[in-house]
Amino acid sequence: MTANRRFRRVVRIGPVQVATYYDGRGREKHTAACTAPRCGFTTDYDSRAAAELAARAHRCRVH
């Protein structure tokens, strides 16, 4: 089952994109996802600041 999310306030911090969306229960969530090939880094947070911090601290291990 796939989730149909509408992302808003999308910003790019290095290779990581940070976006805001509403989950299935109507709560606002924030996600950080790396766009580098074969990286696979993605996380969800309750606060925008935490997602942006994770994006700034992320280092891809894939070369």
N, C-alpha and C. Protein backbone atom coordinates (compact mmCIF):
# COMPACT_ATOMS: atom_id res chain seq x y z
N MET A 1 0.83 -1.16 0.00
CA MET A 1 0.00 0.00 0.00
C MET A 1 0.89 1.24 0.00
N THR A 2 0.66 2.14 -0.92
CA THR A 2 1.47 3.34 -1.00
C THR A 2 0.74 4.52 -0.38
N ALA A 3 1.50 5.42 0.15
CA ALA A 3 0.93 6.63 0.75
C ALA A 3 0.93 7.74 -0.29
N ASN A 4 -0.19 8.41 -0.45
CA ASN A 4 -0.29 9.54 -1.36
C ASN A 4 -0.08 10.81 -0.55
N ARG A 5 1.14 11.36 -0.61
CA ARG A 5 1.46 12.53 0.19
C ARG A 5 1.64 13.73 -0.72
N ARG A 6 1.17 14.86 -0.26
CA ARG A 6 1.40 16.12 -0.97
C ARG A 6 2.41 16.92 -0.16
N PHE A 7 3.60 17.00 -0.69
CA PHE A 7 4.67 17.70 0.00
C PHE A 7 4.60 19.19 -0.29
N ARG A 8 4.89 19.99 0.72
CA ARG A 8 4.93 21.43 0.56
C ARG A 8 6.16 21.94 1.30
N ARG A 9 6.49 23.18 1.04
CA ARG A 9 7.69 23.79 1.62
C ARG A 9 8.91 22.91 1.42
N VAL A 10 9.15 22.51 0.19
CA VAL A 10 10.29 21.65 -0.13
C VAL A 10 11.54 22.53 -0.30
N VAL A 11 12.58 22.21 0.43
CA VAL A 11 13.87 22.88 0.29
C VAL A 11 14.96 21.83 0.14
N ARG A 12 16.03 22.24 -0.49
CA ARG A 12 17.15 21.33 -0.71
C ARG A 12 18.34 21.83 0.10
N ILE A 13 18.92 20.95 0.90
CA ILE A 13 20.11 21.24 1.69
C ILE A 13 21.16 20.21 1.28
N GLY A 14 22.06 20.61 0.40
CA GLY A 14 23.02 19.67 -0.17
C GLY A 14 22.26 18.65 -0.99
N PRO A 15 22.54 17.36 -0.81
CA PRO A 15 21.80 16.34 -1.56
C PRO A 15 20.47 15.94 -0.92
N VAL A 16 20.16 16.54 0.23
CA VAL A 16 18.96 16.16 1.00
C VAL A 16 17.83 17.15 0.76
N GLN A 17 16.63 16.63 0.53
CA GLN A 17 15.45 17.46 0.42
C GLN A 17 14.64 17.35 1.70
N VAL A 18 14.18 18.50 2.19
CA VAL A 18 13.35 18.57 3.39
C VAL A 18 11.98 19.07 2.96
N ALA A 19 10.91 18.41 3.42
CA ALA A 19 9.56 18.79 3.03
C ALA A 19 8.60 18.58 4.19
N THR A 20 7.45 19.26 4.11
CA THR A 20 6.39 19.16 5.11
C THR A 20 5.18 18.50 4.46
N TYR A 21 4.48 17.65 5.21
CA TYR A 21 3.28 16.99 4.72
C TYR A 21 2.37 16.65 5.89
N TYR A 22 1.14 16.27 5.60
CA TYR A 22 0.21 15.80 6.62
C TYR A 22 0.13 14.28 6.53
N ASP A 23 0.24 13.60 7.68
CA ASP A 23 0.15 12.14 7.68
C ASP A 23 -1.31 11.71 7.57
N GLY A 24 -1.57 10.44 7.64
CA GLY A 24 -2.91 9.89 7.49
C GLY A 24 -3.89 10.33 8.56
N ARG A 25 -3.40 10.81 9.68
CA ARG A 25 -4.26 11.26 10.78
C ARG A 25 -4.39 12.77 10.84
N GLY A 26 -3.86 13.46 9.81
CA GLY A 26 -4.00 14.90 9.75
C GLY A 26 -2.96 15.68 10.53
N ARG A 27 -1.95 15.00 11.05
CA ARG A 27 -0.88 15.68 11.78
C ARG A 27 0.20 16.15 10.82
N GLU A 28 0.76 17.30 11.11
CA GLU A 28 1.83 17.83 10.27
C GLU A 28 3.13 17.10 10.59
N LYS A 29 3.79 16.59 9.57
CA LYS A 29 5.06 15.88 9.71
C LYS A 29 6.08 16.50 8.77
N HIS A 30 7.35 16.23 9.04
CA HIS A 30 8.44 16.76 8.24
C HIS A 30 9.37 15.61 7.90
N THR A 31 9.85 15.59 6.68
CA THR A 31 10.71 14.50 6.24
C THR A 31 11.99 15.04 5.64
N ALA A 32 13.05 14.27 5.78
CA ALA A 32 14.34 14.56 5.15
C ALA A 32 14.73 13.33 4.36
N ALA A 33 15.03 13.50 3.08
CA ALA A 33 15.37 12.37 2.22
C ALA A 33 16.53 12.74 1.31
N CYS A 34 17.53 11.88 1.25
CA CYS A 34 18.70 12.10 0.41
C CYS A 34 18.38 11.68 -1.02
N THR A 35 18.79 12.50 -1.99
CA THR A 35 18.50 12.22 -3.39
C THR A 35 19.68 11.60 -4.12
N ALA A 36 20.76 11.32 -3.42
CA ALA A 36 21.93 10.70 -4.04
C ALA A 36 21.61 9.25 -4.41
N PRO A 37 22.13 8.79 -5.54
CA PRO A 37 21.88 7.40 -5.95
C PRO A 37 22.39 6.40 -4.91
N ARG A 38 21.58 5.42 -4.61
CA ARG A 38 21.90 4.30 -3.71
C ARG A 38 22.15 4.71 -2.27
N CYS A 39 21.75 5.90 -1.86
CA CYS A 39 21.97 6.33 -0.47
C CYS A 39 20.90 5.74 0.45
N GLY A 40 19.63 6.00 0.17
CA GLY A 40 18.56 5.41 0.96
C GLY A 40 18.24 6.11 2.26
N PHE A 41 18.83 7.27 2.54
CA PHE A 41 18.56 7.99 3.79
C PHE A 41 17.22 8.70 3.70
N THR A 42 16.31 8.39 4.61
CA THR A 42 15.04 9.08 4.74
C THR A 42 14.54 8.94 6.16
N THR A 43 14.07 10.06 6.72
CA THR A 43 13.56 10.04 8.09
C THR A 43 12.39 11.01 8.21
N ASP A 44 11.49 10.74 9.15
CA ASP A 44 10.35 11.60 9.43
C ASP A 44 10.50 12.18 10.83
N TYR A 45 10.09 13.44 10.98
CA TYR A 45 10.20 14.14 12.25
C TYR A 45 8.91 14.89 12.54
N ASP A 46 8.73 15.24 13.82
CA ASP A 46 7.58 16.04 14.23
C ASP A 46 7.84 17.53 14.08
N SER A 47 9.11 17.94 14.03
CA SER A 47 9.43 19.36 13.91
C SER A 47 10.28 19.61 12.66
N ARG A 48 10.07 20.76 12.08
CA ARG A 48 10.82 21.16 10.89
C ARG A 48 12.30 21.36 11.22
N ALA A 49 12.57 21.91 12.38
CA ALA A 49 13.96 22.15 12.79
C ALA A 49 14.75 20.84 12.88
N ALA A 50 14.14 19.80 13.38
CA ALA A 50 14.81 18.51 13.49
C ALA A 50 15.11 17.93 12.11
N ALA A 51 14.19 18.07 11.18
CA ALA A 51 14.41 17.57 9.82
C ALA A 51 15.53 18.33 9.13
N GLU A 52 15.57 19.65 9.31
CA GLU A 52 16.62 20.45 8.70
C GLU A 52 17.98 20.16 9.34
N LEU A 53 18.01 19.91 10.63
CA LEU A 53 19.26 19.55 11.30
C LEU A 53 19.77 18.21 10.78
N ALA A 54 18.88 17.25 10.61
CA ALA A 54 19.28 15.95 10.07
C ALA A 54 19.83 16.10 8.65
N ALA A 55 19.24 16.99 7.86
CA ALA A 55 19.71 17.22 6.50
C ALA A 55 21.11 17.83 6.49
N ARG A 56 21.35 18.76 7.40
CA ARG A 56 22.67 19.39 7.47
C ARG A 56 23.75 18.43 7.99
N ALA A 57 23.36 17.52 8.86
CA ALA A 57 24.33 16.60 9.47
C ALA A 57 24.54 15.33 8.63
N HIS A 58 23.71 15.08 7.64
CA HIS A 58 23.79 13.85 6.85
C HIS A 58 25.04 13.82 5.99
N ARG A 59 25.72 12.70 5.99
CA ARG A 59 26.86 12.46 5.13
C ARG A 59 26.64 11.13 4.42
N CYS A 60 26.62 11.16 3.10
CA CYS A 60 26.41 9.93 2.32
C CYS A 60 27.64 9.04 2.44
N ARG A 61 27.39 7.78 2.66
CA ARG A 61 28.48 6.80 2.71
C ARG A 61 28.73 6.19 1.34
N VAL A 62 27.87 6.43 0.39
CA VAL A 62 27.99 5.88 -0.96
C VAL A 62 28.93 6.77 -1.77
N HIS A 63 29.86 6.16 -2.46
CA HIS A 63 30.77 6.94 -3.31
C HIS A 63 30.56 6.60 -4.75
